[in-house]
Amino acid sequence: VTDANGCQGVSNTPFVVSNTVNTSAITGPINPVMFQSVNYSVLPAVGSTYNWTLVGGTISGQGTNSIDVVWNNFL
Protein backbone atom coordinates (compact mmCIF):
# COMPACT_ATOMS: atom_id res chain seq x y z
CA VAL A 1 0.00 0.00 0.00
CA THR A 2 1.26 3.47 -0.85
CA ASP A 3 -0.39 6.54 0.67
CA ALA A 4 -0.84 10.03 -0.85
CA ASN A 5 2.62 11.08 0.46
CA GLY A 6 4.38 8.16 -1.21
CA CYS A 7 4.88 6.27 2.05
CA GLN A 8 4.66 2.52 1.69
CA GLY A 9 3.25 0.12 4.22
CA VAL A 10 1.80 -3.34 4.61
CA SER A 11 -1.49 -4.19 6.26
CA ASN A 12 -2.93 -7.44 7.49
CA THR A 13 -5.45 -9.24 5.34
CA PRO A 14 -8.96 -8.10 6.39
CA PHE A 15 -10.31 -11.67 6.27
CA VAL A 16 -9.30 -15.20 5.37
CA VAL A 17 -11.39 -17.46 3.15
CA SER A 18 -11.32 -21.06 4.24
CA ASN A 19 -12.81 -24.07 2.48
CA THR A 20 -13.80 -25.96 5.62
CA VAL A 21 -16.47 -28.63 5.83
CA ASN A 22 -18.71 -28.04 8.82
CA THR A 23 -20.78 -31.18 9.25
CA SER A 24 -21.43 -34.01 11.66
CA ALA A 25 -20.08 -37.51 11.27
CA ILE A 26 -21.76 -39.65 8.62
CA THR A 27 -24.04 -42.24 10.20
CA GLY A 28 -24.90 -45.51 8.50
CA PRO A 29 -23.80 -49.12 8.33
CA ILE A 30 -20.13 -49.90 7.70
CA ASN A 31 -20.89 -53.47 6.61
CA PRO A 32 -24.00 -53.21 4.40
CA VAL A 33 -25.54 -56.14 2.57
CA MET A 34 -25.00 -56.05 -1.19
CA PHE A 35 -28.11 -55.14 -3.27
CA GLN A 36 -30.10 -53.95 -0.24
CA SER A 37 -30.94 -50.29 0.39
CA VAL A 38 -29.16 -48.68 3.36
CA ASN A 39 -29.33 -45.12 4.70
CA TYR A 40 -26.47 -42.70 5.37
CA SER A 41 -26.94 -39.24 6.83
CA VAL A 42 -25.41 -36.22 8.52
CA LEU A 43 -27.18 -33.76 10.78
CA PRO A 44 -28.86 -31.02 8.72
CA ALA A 45 -27.28 -27.57 8.84
CA VAL A 46 -28.97 -24.34 7.74
CA GLY A 47 -27.39 -22.98 4.55
CA SER A 48 -25.54 -26.20 3.73
CA THR A 49 -25.56 -28.07 0.45
CA TYR A 50 -24.93 -31.79 0.23
CA ASN A 51 -23.03 -33.57 -2.55
CA TRP A 52 -22.53 -37.26 -1.89
CA THR A 53 -19.95 -39.28 -3.85
CA LEU A 54 -19.38 -43.02 -3.76
CA VAL A 55 -18.05 -45.84 -5.90
CA GLY A 56 -19.84 -49.18 -6.22
CA GLY A 57 -23.44 -48.19 -5.57
CA THR A 58 -26.46 -46.14 -6.56
CA ILE A 59 -27.55 -43.05 -4.61
CA SER A 60 -31.07 -41.75 -4.15
CA GLY A 61 -31.61 -38.51 -2.25
CA GLN A 62 -28.63 -36.62 -3.71
CA GLY A 63 -28.57 -33.00 -2.54
CA THR A 64 -30.11 -33.77 0.86
CA ASN A 65 -28.53 -34.57 4.23
CA SER A 66 -29.80 -38.18 4.01
CA ILE A 67 -29.32 -40.67 1.19
CA ASP A 68 -30.24 -44.25 0.45
CA VAL A 69 -27.59 -46.40 -1.23
CA VAL A 70 -27.90 -49.73 -2.96
CA TRP A 71 -24.41 -51.21 -2.99
CA ASN A 72 -23.80 -53.24 -6.14
CA ASN A 73 -20.05 -53.69 -5.93
CA PHE A 74 -17.69 -53.75 -2.95
CA LEU A 75 -14.25 -52.51 -3.94
PDB file of N, CA and C in Angstrom:
ATOM      1  N   VAL A   1       0.856  -1.162   0.000  1.00  0.00           N
ATOM      2  CA  VAL A   1       0.000   0.000   0.000  1.00  0.00           C
ATOM      3  C   VAL A   1       0.907   1.232   0.000  1.00  0.00           C
ATOM      4  N   THR A   2       0.534   2.197  -0.832  1.00  0.00           N
ATOM      5  CA  THR A   2       1.257   3.472  -0.845  1.00  0.00           C
ATOM      6  C   THR A   2       0.252   4.587  -0.596  1.00  0.00           C
ATOM      7  N   ASP A   3       0.550   5.459   0.368  1.00  0.00           N
ATOM      8  CA  ASP A   3      -0.386   6.542   0.674  1.00  0.00           C
ATOM      9  C   ASP A   3      -0.150   7.753  -0.232  1.00  0.00           C
ATOM     10  N   ALA A   4      -0.908   8.823  -0.015  1.00  0.00           N
ATOM     11  CA  ALA A   4      -0.841  10.032  -0.850  1.00  0.00           C
ATOM     12  C   ALA A   4       0.515  10.717  -0.761  1.00  0.00           C
ATOM     13  N   ASN A   5       1.293  10.469   0.299  1.00  0.00           N
ATOM     14  CA  ASN A   5       2.618  11.076   0.461  1.00  0.00           C
ATOM     15  C   ASN A   5       3.735  10.206  -0.096  1.00  0.00           C
ATOM     16  N   GLY A   6       3.374   9.065  -0.660  1.00  0.00           N
ATOM     17  CA  GLY A   6       4.384   8.161  -1.212  1.00  0.00           C
ATOM     18  C   GLY A   6       4.954   7.199  -0.196  1.00  0.00           C
ATOM     19  N   CYS A   7       4.408   7.200   1.014  1.00  0.00           N
ATOM     20  CA  CYS A   7       4.882   6.272   2.054  1.00  0.00           C
ATOM     21  C   CYS A   7       4.268   4.897   1.815  1.00  0.00           C
ATOM     22  N   GLN A   8       5.127   3.886   1.898  1.00  0.00           N
ATOM     23  CA  GLN A   8       4.656   2.524   1.687  1.00  0.00           C
ATOM     24  C   GLN A   8       4.462   1.816   3.017  1.00  0.00           C
ATOM     25  N   GLY A   9       3.520   0.903   3.020  1.00  0.00           N
ATOM     26  CA  GLY A   9       3.252   0.118   4.219  1.00  0.00           C
ATOM     27  C   GLY A   9       2.562  -1.180   3.838  1.00  0.00           C
ATOM     28  N   VAL A  10       2.449  -2.044   4.802  1.00  0.00           N
ATOM     29  CA  VAL A  10       1.800  -3.343   4.612  1.00  0.00           C
ATOM     30  C   VAL A  10       0.732  -3.474   5.673  1.00  0.00           C
ATOM     31  N   SER A  11      -0.425  -3.966   5.278  1.00  0.00           N
ATOM     32  CA  SER A  11      -1.487  -4.188   6.256  1.00  0.00           C
ATOM     33  C   SER A  11      -1.838  -5.664   6.295  1.00  0.00           C
ATOM     34  N   ASN A  12      -2.457  -6.056   7.365  1.00  0.00           N
ATOM     35  CA  ASN A  12      -2.927  -7.439   7.487  1.00  0.00           C
ATOM     36  C   ASN A  12      -4.115  -7.662   6.571  1.00  0.00           C
ATOM     37  N   THR A  13      -4.294  -8.873   6.148  1.00  0.00           N
ATOM     38  CA  THR A  13      -5.446  -9.239   5.342  1.00  0.00           C
ATOM     39  C   THR A  13      -6.708  -9.024   6.170  1.00  0.00           C
ATOM     40  N   PRO A  14      -7.757  -8.377   5.597  1.00  0.00           N
ATOM     41  CA  PRO A  14      -8.961  -8.102   6.386  1.00  0.00           C
ATOM     42  C   PRO A  14      -9.757  -9.355   6.747  1.00  0.00           C
ATOM     43  N   PHE A  15      -9.624 -10.412   5.950  1.00  0.00           N
ATOM     44  CA  PHE A  15     -10.306 -11.665   6.267  1.00  0.00           C
ATOM     45  C   PHE A  15      -9.621 -12.801   5.521  1.00  0.00           C
ATOM     46  N   VAL A  16      -9.869 -14.007   5.983  1.00  0.00           N
ATOM     47  CA  VAL A  16      -9.302 -15.198   5.367  1.00  0.00           C
ATOM     48  C   VAL A  16     -10.452 -16.083   4.917  1.00  0.00           C
ATOM     49  N   VAL A  17     -10.383 -16.538   3.675  1.00  0.00           N
ATOM     50  CA  VAL A  17     -11.389 -17.457   3.151  1.00  0.00           C
ATOM     51  C   VAL A  17     -10.873 -18.870   3.363  1.00  0.00           C
ATOM     52  N   SER A  18     -11.709 -19.688   3.946  1.00  0.00           N
ATOM     53  CA  SER A  18     -11.321 -21.062   4.243  1.00  0.00           C
ATOM     54  C   SER A  18     -12.364 -22.010   3.677  1.00  0.00           C
ATOM     55  N   ASN A  19     -11.916 -23.060   3.037  1.00  0.00           N
ATOM     56  CA  ASN A  19     -12.811 -24.065   2.484  1.00  0.00           C
ATOM     57  C   ASN A  19     -12.914 -25.214   3.482  1.00  0.00           C
ATOM     58  N   THR A  20     -13.685 -24.999   4.533  1.00  0.00           N
ATOM     59  CA  THR A  20     -13.805 -25.959   5.619  1.00  0.00           C
ATOM     60  C   THR A  20     -15.177 -26.607   5.596  1.00  0.00           C
ATOM     61  N   VAL A  21     -15.206 -27.911   5.752  1.00  0.00           N
ATOM     62  CA  VAL A  21     -16.468 -28.629   5.829  1.00  0.00           C
ATOM     63  C   VAL A  21     -16.938 -28.594   7.277  1.00  0.00           C
ATOM     64  N   ASN A  22     -18.150 -28.126   7.481  1.00  0.00           N
ATOM     65  CA  ASN A  22     -18.712 -28.040   8.821  1.00  0.00           C
ATOM     66  C   ASN A  22     -19.923 -28.965   8.870  1.00  0.00           C
ATOM     67  N   THR A  23     -19.702 -30.207   9.221  1.00  0.00           N
ATOM     68  CA  THR A  23     -20.780 -31.183   9.251  1.00  0.00           C
ATOM     69  C   THR A  23     -20.542 -32.181  10.376  1.00  0.00           C
ATOM     70  N   SER A  24     -21.561 -32.954  10.662  1.00  0.00           N
ATOM     71  CA  SER A  24     -21.426 -34.008  11.664  1.00  0.00           C
ATOM     72  C   SER A  24     -20.826 -35.245  11.005  1.00  0.00           C
ATOM     73  N   ALA A  25     -20.557 -36.233  11.807  1.00  0.00           N
ATOM     74  CA  ALA A  25     -20.082 -37.513  11.272  1.00  0.00           C
ATOM     75  C   ALA A  25     -21.188 -38.165  10.444  1.00  0.00           C
ATOM     76  N   ILE A  26     -20.794 -38.914   9.435  1.00  0.00           N
ATOM     77  CA  ILE A  26     -21.757 -39.650   8.620  1.00  0.00           C
ATOM     78  C   ILE A  26     -22.204 -40.874   9.416  1.00  0.00           C
ATOM     79  N   THR A  27     -23.520 -41.050   9.539  1.00  0.00           N
ATOM     80  CA  THR A  27     -24.040 -42.244  10.202  1.00  0.00           C
ATOM     81  C   THR A  27     -24.579 -43.200   9.150  1.00  0.00           C
ATOM     82  N   GLY A  28     -24.434 -44.473   9.406  1.00  0.00           N
ATOM     83  CA  GLY A  28     -24.905 -45.514   8.501  1.00  0.00           C
ATOM     84  C   GLY A  28     -24.066 -46.756   8.692  1.00  0.00           C
ATOM     85  N   PRO A  29     -24.503 -47.857   8.119  1.00  0.00           N
ATOM     86  CA  PRO A  29     -23.796 -49.123   8.327  1.00  0.00           C
ATOM     87  C   PRO A  29     -22.434 -49.150   7.634  1.00  0.00           C
ATOM     88  N   ILE A  30     -21.453 -49.754   8.306  1.00  0.00           N
ATOM     89  CA  ILE A  30     -20.134 -49.899   7.703  1.00  0.00           C
ATOM     90  C   ILE A  30     -19.979 -51.250   7.002  1.00  0.00           C
ATOM     91  N   ASN A  31     -20.896 -52.159   7.267  1.00  0.00           N
ATOM     92  CA  ASN A  31     -20.893 -53.467   6.612  1.00  0.00           C
ATOM     93  C   ASN A  31     -22.268 -53.760   6.009  1.00  0.00           C
ATOM     94  N   PRO A  32     -22.666 -53.002   4.975  1.00  0.00           N
ATOM     95  CA  PRO A  32     -23.997 -53.209   4.398  1.00  0.00           C
ATOM     96  C   PRO A  32     -24.079 -54.510   3.609  1.00  0.00           C
ATOM     97  N   VAL A  33     -25.298 -54.950   3.370  1.00  0.00           N
ATOM     98  CA  VAL A  33     -25.537 -56.141   2.566  1.00  0.00           C
ATOM     99  C   VAL A  33     -25.682 -55.707   1.107  1.00  0.00           C
ATOM    100  N   MET A  34     -24.963 -56.381   0.229  1.00  0.00           N
ATOM    101  CA  MET A  34     -25.003 -56.045  -1.190  1.00  0.00           C
ATOM    102  C   MET A  34     -26.423 -56.166  -1.731  1.00  0.00           C
ATOM    103  N   PHE A  35     -26.819 -55.210  -2.578  1.00  0.00           N
ATOM    104  CA  PHE A  35     -28.106 -55.142  -3.272  1.00  0.00           C
ATOM    105  C   PHE A  35     -29.289 -54.812  -2.359  1.00  0.00           C
ATOM    106  N   GLN A  36     -29.035 -54.415  -1.118  1.00  0.00           N
ATOM    107  CA  GLN A  36     -30.101 -53.949  -0.237  1.00  0.00           C
ATOM    108  C   GLN A  36     -29.899 -52.464   0.051  1.00  0.00           C
ATOM    109  N   SER A  37     -30.992 -51.728   0.154  1.00  0.00           N
ATOM    110  CA  SER A  37     -30.936 -50.292   0.395  1.00  0.00           C
ATOM    111  C   SER A  37     -30.553 -50.006   1.846  1.00  0.00           C
ATOM    112  N   VAL A  38     -29.568 -49.123   2.025  1.00  0.00           N
ATOM    113  CA  VAL A  38     -29.160 -48.684   3.361  1.00  0.00           C
ATOM    114  C   VAL A  38     -29.135 -47.161   3.380  1.00  0.00           C
ATOM    115  N   ASN A  39     -29.259 -46.573   4.557  1.00  0.00           N
ATOM    116  CA  ASN A  39     -29.334 -45.124   4.700  1.00  0.00           C
ATOM    117  C   ASN A  39     -28.076 -44.574   5.347  1.00  0.00           C
ATOM    118  N   TYR A  40     -27.585 -43.451   4.797  1.00  0.00           N
ATOM    119  CA  TYR A  40     -26.471 -42.700   5.366  1.00  0.00           C
ATOM    120  C   TYR A  40     -26.931 -41.261   5.528  1.00  0.00           C
ATOM    121  N   SER A  41     -26.498 -40.609   6.610  1.00  0.00           N
ATOM    122  CA  SER A  41     -26.943 -39.236   6.827  1.00  0.00           C
ATOM    123  C   SER A  41     -25.948 -38.469   7.691  1.00  0.00           C
ATOM    124  N   VAL A  42     -26.088 -37.139   7.617  1.00  0.00           N
ATOM    125  CA  VAL A  42     -25.414 -36.215   8.518  1.00  0.00           C
ATOM    126  C   VAL A  42     -26.500 -35.325   9.102  1.00  0.00           C
ATOM    127  N   LEU A  43     -26.202 -34.672  10.206  1.00  0.00           N
ATOM    128  CA  LEU A  43     -27.178 -33.760  10.784  1.00  0.00           C
ATOM    129  C   LEU A  43     -27.382 -32.583   9.824  1.00  0.00           C
ATOM    130  N   PRO A  44     -28.629 -32.156   9.627  1.00  0.00           N
ATOM    131  CA  PRO A  44     -28.864 -31.022   8.718  1.00  0.00           C
ATOM    132  C   PRO A  44     -28.298 -29.731   9.298  1.00  0.00           C
ATOM    133  N   ALA A  45     -27.812 -28.864   8.418  1.00  0.00           N
ATOM    134  CA  ALA A  45     -27.278 -27.569   8.839  1.00  0.00           C
ATOM    135  C   ALA A  45     -27.837 -26.490   7.919  1.00  0.00           C
ATOM    136  N   VAL A  46     -28.378 -25.433   8.505  1.00  0.00           N
ATOM    137  CA  VAL A  46     -28.965 -24.342   7.737  1.00  0.00           C
ATOM    138  C   VAL A  46     -27.916 -23.752   6.795  1.00  0.00           C
ATOM    139  N   GLY A  47     -28.278 -23.573   5.538  1.00  0.00           N
ATOM    140  CA  GLY A  47     -27.387 -22.977   4.550  1.00  0.00           C
ATOM    141  C   GLY A  47     -26.418 -23.950   3.909  1.00  0.00           C
ATOM    142  N   SER A  48     -26.462 -25.216   4.297  1.00  0.00           N
ATOM    143  CA  SER A  48     -25.544 -26.204   3.735  1.00  0.00           C
ATOM    144  C   SER A  48     -26.100 -26.822   2.465  1.00  0.00           C
ATOM    145  N   THR A  49     -25.198 -27.265   1.610  1.00  0.00           N
ATOM    146  CA  THR A  49     -25.562 -28.073   0.450  1.00  0.00           C
ATOM    147  C   THR A  49     -24.867 -29.415   0.606  1.00  0.00           C
ATOM    148  N   TYR A  50     -25.446 -30.437   0.034  1.00  0.00           N
ATOM    149  CA  TYR A  50     -24.931 -31.790   0.228  1.00  0.00           C
ATOM    150  C   TYR A  50     -24.659 -32.423  -1.126  1.00  0.00           C
ATOM    151  N   ASN A  51     -23.434 -32.911  -1.314  1.00  0.00           N
ATOM    152  CA  ASN A  51     -23.034 -33.568  -2.547  1.00  0.00           C
ATOM    153  C   ASN A  51     -22.325 -34.868  -2.178  1.00  0.00           C
ATOM    154  N   TRP A  52     -23.047 -35.949  -2.273  1.00  0.00           N
ATOM    155  CA  TRP A  52     -22.525 -37.256  -1.888  1.00  0.00           C
ATOM    156  C   TRP A  52     -21.822 -37.901  -3.086  1.00  0.00           C
ATOM    157  N   THR A  53     -20.691 -38.566  -2.812  1.00  0.00           N
ATOM    158  CA  THR A  53     -19.949 -39.275  -3.847  1.00  0.00           C
ATOM    159  C   THR A  53     -19.578 -40.653  -3.322  1.00  0.00           C
ATOM    160  N   LEU A  54     -19.784 -41.664  -4.147  1.00  0.00           N
ATOM    161  CA  LEU A  54     -19.375 -43.017  -3.765  1.00  0.00           C
ATOM    162  C   LEU A  54     -19.060 -43.814  -5.003  1.00  0.00           C
ATOM    163  N   VAL A  55     -18.390 -44.929  -4.818  1.00  0.00           N
ATOM    164  CA  VAL A  55     -18.053 -45.845  -5.903  1.00  0.00           C
ATOM    165  C   VAL A  55     -18.619 -47.206  -5.533  1.00  0.00           C
ATOM    166  N   GLY A  56     -19.344 -47.828  -6.454  1.00  0.00           N
ATOM    167  CA  GLY A  56     -19.844 -49.177  -6.224  1.00  0.00           C
ATOM    168  C   GLY A  56     -21.283 -49.249  -5.781  1.00  0.00           C
ATOM    169  N   GLY A  57     -22.045 -48.170  -5.984  1.00  0.00           N
ATOM    170  CA  GLY A  57     -23.440 -48.189  -5.569  1.00  0.00           C
ATOM    171  C   GLY A  57     -24.238 -47.105  -6.254  1.00  0.00           C
ATOM    172  N   THR A  58     -25.534 -47.109  -5.995  1.00  0.00           N
ATOM    173  CA  THR A  58     -26.458 -46.137  -6.564  1.00  0.00           C
ATOM    174  C   THR A  58     -27.063 -45.313  -5.442  1.00  0.00           C
ATOM    175  N   ILE A  59     -27.047 -43.986  -5.620  1.00  0.00           N
ATOM    176  CA  ILE A  59     -27.554 -43.052  -4.607  1.00  0.00           C
ATOM    177  C   ILE A  59     -28.947 -42.578  -4.985  1.00  0.00           C
ATOM    178  N   SER A  60     -29.834 -42.513  -3.994  1.00  0.00           N
ATOM    179  CA  SER A  60     -31.074 -41.752  -4.154  1.00  0.00           C
ATOM    180  C   SER A  60     -31.144 -40.779  -2.984  1.00  0.00           C
ATOM    181  N   GLY A  61     -31.570 -39.556  -3.275  1.00  0.00           N
ATOM    182  CA  GLY A  61     -31.615 -38.515  -2.251  1.00  0.00           C
ATOM    183  C   GLY A  61     -30.479 -37.526  -2.367  1.00  0.00           C
ATOM    184  N   GLN A  62     -29.753 -37.541  -3.499  1.00  0.00           N
ATOM    185  CA  GLN A  62     -28.627 -36.617  -3.709  1.00  0.00           C
ATOM    186  C   GLN A  62     -29.082 -35.174  -3.469  1.00  0.00           C
ATOM    187  N   GLY A  63     -28.255 -34.396  -2.818  1.00  0.00           N
ATOM    188  CA  GLY A  63     -28.574 -33.002  -2.536  1.00  0.00           C
ATOM    189  C   GLY A  63     -29.231 -32.788  -1.185  1.00  0.00           C
ATOM    190  N   THR A  64     -29.505 -33.875  -0.469  1.00  0.00           N
ATOM    191  CA  THR A  64     -30.110 -33.775   0.862  1.00  0.00           C
ATOM    192  C   THR A  64     -29.104 -34.262   1.908  1.00  0.00           C
ATOM    193  N   ASN A  65     -29.435 -34.115   3.173  1.00  0.00           N
ATOM    194  CA  ASN A  65     -28.533 -34.574   4.232  1.00  0.00           C
ATOM    195  C   ASN A  65     -28.655 -36.073   4.500  1.00  0.00           C
ATOM    196  N   SER A  66     -29.575 -36.750   3.787  1.00  0.00           N
ATOM    197  CA  SER A  66     -29.799 -38.179   4.013  1.00  0.00           C
ATOM    198  C   SER A  66     -29.986 -38.880   2.673  1.00  0.00           C
ATOM    199  N   ILE A  67     -29.209 -39.932   2.439  1.00  0.00           N
ATOM    200  CA  ILE A  67     -29.317 -40.671   1.185  1.00  0.00           C
ATOM    201  C   ILE A  67     -29.558 -42.147   1.446  1.00  0.00           C
ATOM    202  N   ASP A  68     -30.129 -42.797   0.459  1.00  0.00           N
ATOM    203  CA  ASP A  68     -30.237 -44.253   0.450  1.00  0.00           C
ATOM    204  C   ASP A  68     -29.283 -44.762  -0.620  1.00  0.00           C
ATOM    205  N   VAL A  69     -28.565 -45.824  -0.304  1.00  0.00           N
ATOM    206  CA  VAL A  69     -27.585 -46.395  -1.225  1.00  0.00           C
ATOM    207  C   VAL A  69     -27.882 -47.870  -1.397  1.00  0.00           C
ATOM    208  N   VAL A  70     -27.872 -48.312  -2.649  1.00  0.00           N
ATOM    209  CA  VAL A  70     -27.898 -49.734  -2.957  1.00  0.00           C
ATOM    210  C   VAL A  70     -26.507 -50.076  -3.447  1.00  0.00           C
ATOM    211  N   TRP A  71     -25.772 -50.819  -2.633  1.00  0.00           N
ATOM    212  CA  TRP A  71     -24.410 -51.211  -2.995  1.00  0.00           C
ATOM    213  C   TRP A  71     -24.472 -52.356  -3.998  1.00  0.00           C
ATOM    214  N   ASN A  72     -23.807 -52.193  -5.139  1.00  0.00           N
ATOM    215  CA  ASN A  72     -23.797 -53.243  -6.143  1.00  0.00           C
ATOM    216  C   ASN A  72     -22.399 -53.780  -6.413  1.00  0.00           C
ATOM    217  N   ASN A  73     -21.411 -53.228  -5.734  1.00  0.00           N
ATOM    218  CA  ASN A  73     -20.046 -53.692  -5.928  1.00  0.00           C
ATOM    219  C   ASN A  73     -19.195 -53.219  -4.750  1.00  0.00           C
ATOM    220  N   PHE A  74     -18.583 -54.119  -4.049  1.00  0.00           N
ATOM    221  CA  PHE A  74     -17.691 -53.753  -2.952  1.00  0.00           C
ATOM    222  C   PHE A  74     -16.260 -53.767  -3.472  1.00  0.00           C
ATOM    223  N   LEU A  75     -15.619 -52.617  -3.439  1.00  0.00           N
ATOM    224  CA  LEU A  75     -14.247 -52.511  -3.942  1.00  0.00           C
ATOM    225  C   LEU A  75     -13.251 -52.672  -2.831  1.00  0.00           C
TER     226      LEU A  75
END
